[in-house]
Protein backbone atom coordinates (compact mmCIF):
# COMPACT_ATOMS: atom_id res chain seq x y z
CA VAL A 1 0.00 0.00 0.00
CA ILE A 2 2.77 2.45 0.92
CA ARG A 3 4.70 1.64 -2.25
CA ARG A 4 1.65 2.20 -4.41
CA PHE A 5 0.67 5.60 -2.94
CA LEU A 6 3.95 7.07 -1.69
CA GLY A 7 6.58 5.43 -3.86
CA GLU A 8 9.51 3.05 -3.51
CA ASP A 9 11.70 5.38 -1.43
CA MET A 10 9.09 5.91 1.29
CA SER A 11 8.29 2.20 1.30
CA ASN A 12 11.94 1.34 1.97
CA ARG A 13 12.13 3.92 4.77
CA THR A 14 9.13 2.48 6.56
CA GLN A 15 10.45 -1.08 6.42
CA ALA A 16 13.55 -0.38 8.50
CA ASN A 17 13.25 0.28 12.23
CA GLU A 18 14.50 3.72 13.17
CA TYR A 19 15.43 4.43 16.76
CA PHE A 20 15.76 7.86 18.32
CA VAL A 21 17.55 8.79 21.55
CA HIS A 22 18.75 11.99 23.18
CA PHE A 23 21.95 10.76 24.87
CA LEU A 24 24.36 10.19 21.97
CA ARG A 25 26.31 13.42 22.23
CA GLU A 26 29.37 13.86 24.42
CA PRO A 27 29.91 16.78 26.82
CA ARG A 28 32.63 19.29 26.00
CA ILE A 29 35.71 18.40 28.08
CA ASP A 30 38.72 20.59 28.83
CA PRO A 31 41.70 18.66 27.41
CA GLU A 32 44.12 20.01 30.02
CA SER A 33 42.15 19.49 33.23
CA GLY A 34 39.67 16.84 32.11
CA GLU A 35 36.81 18.87 33.59
CA GLU A 36 33.46 19.17 31.89
CA LEU A 37 33.13 22.61 30.29
CA GLU A 38 29.61 22.16 28.92
CA PRO A 39 27.12 19.35 29.45
CA ALA A 40 26.16 17.20 26.51
CA VAL A 41 23.48 18.62 24.26
CA LEU A 42 20.28 16.62 24.67
CA LEU A 43 19.11 16.48 21.07
CA TYR A 44 16.54 13.83 20.16
CA GLU A 45 18.11 12.31 17.04
CA PRO A 46 18.21 9.05 15.09
CA CYS A 47 20.83 6.63 16.36
CA GLY A 48 21.00 4.11 13.54
CA SER A 49 20.75 0.77 15.30
CA ILE A 50 20.29 -0.95 18.62
CA ALA A 51 24.02 -1.77 18.66
CA VAL A 52 24.93 1.94 18.71
CA VAL A 53 22.60 2.57 21.65
CA ARG A 54 23.86 -0.55 23.48
CA ASP A 55 27.46 0.69 23.15
CA ARG A 56 26.48 4.12 24.45
CA ILE A 57 24.62 2.67 27.45
CA THR A 58 27.59 0.38 28.16
CA ASN A 59 29.91 3.41 28.15
CA HIS A 60 27.60 5.25 30.58
CA MET A 61 27.62 2.20 32.87
CA LYS A 62 31.43 2.07 32.78
CA VAL A 63 31.67 5.75 33.74
CA LEU A 64 29.21 5.26 36.60
CA ASN A 65 31.02 2.13 37.79
CA THR A 66 34.40 3.89 37.87
CA SER A 67 32.99 6.87 39.79
CA ASN A 68 31.08 4.74 42.32
CA LYS A 69 33.31 2.20 44.03
CA THR A 70 30.74 0.67 46.39
CA GLU A 71 27.90 -0.29 44.05
CA LYS A 72 28.42 -1.52 40.51
CA ILE A 73 25.77 -1.46 37.82
CA ARG A 74 25.60 -4.79 36.01
CA LEU A 75 22.89 -4.84 33.38
CA VAL A 76 22.33 -7.43 30.67
CA LEU A 77 21.56 -5.30 27.64
CA PHE A 78 19.50 -7.55 25.39
CA ASP A 79 17.47 -5.86 22.64
CA ALA A 80 14.22 -5.61 24.59
CA ALA A 81 16.05 -4.02 27.56
CA VAL A 82 17.72 -1.44 25.31
CA LYS A 83 14.35 -0.55 23.75
CA HIS A 84 12.84 -0.11 27.22
CA ILE A 85 15.74 2.14 28.26
CA MET A 86 15.16 4.27 25.15
CA ARG A 87 11.46 4.65 26.03
CA ILE A 88 12.12 5.39 29.70
CA THR A 89 14.78 8.03 29.02
CA ARG A 90 12.47 9.70 26.50
CA VAL A 91 9.67 9.96 29.06
CA PHE A 92 12.02 11.29 31.76
CA ALA A 93 13.34 13.93 29.35
CA LEU A 94 9.85 15.40 28.92
CA PRO A 95 8.60 18.13 31.24
CA ARG A 96 6.73 16.47 34.11
CA GLY A 97 7.55 13.12 32.52
CA ASN A 98 6.35 10.16 34.57
CA VAL A 99 6.24 6.47 33.89
CA LEU A 100 4.99 3.50 35.89
CA LEU A 101 7.23 0.45 35.46
CA VAL A 102 5.57 -2.85 36.29
CA GLY A 103 7.28 -6.20 36.15
CA VAL A 104 6.98 -9.68 37.55
CA GLY A 105 9.47 -10.34 40.35
CA GLY A 106 12.34 -12.55 39.26
CA SER A 107 11.49 -12.28 35.58
CA GLY A 108 14.62 -10.36 34.65
CA LYS A 109 17.47 -12.05 32.80
CA GLN A 110 20.50 -12.73 34.96
CA PRO A 111 24.13 -12.29 33.86
């Protein structure tokens, strides 16, 4: 239906999953002191694939784990978990953003 009314190009665009996040950009860091000069720009933009987002989340976890010595974050980032993280961060970025997360106890995947 899309191909017939909107053409081949639009049909190909709708077939592929596009993911958008607002945490891909890096903050501006002072090269001499290593201090953060400006926070990262929170621009809601396409990220390409789940693998790109997974790598970014993994980097955030590494930074948090190096700064916090007592508690380590250990998440298994399977595709469904990454998609949930994208949805949750989008809601929290909105003004007055709220979300109710409901899950069955013990249903999470273990490392």
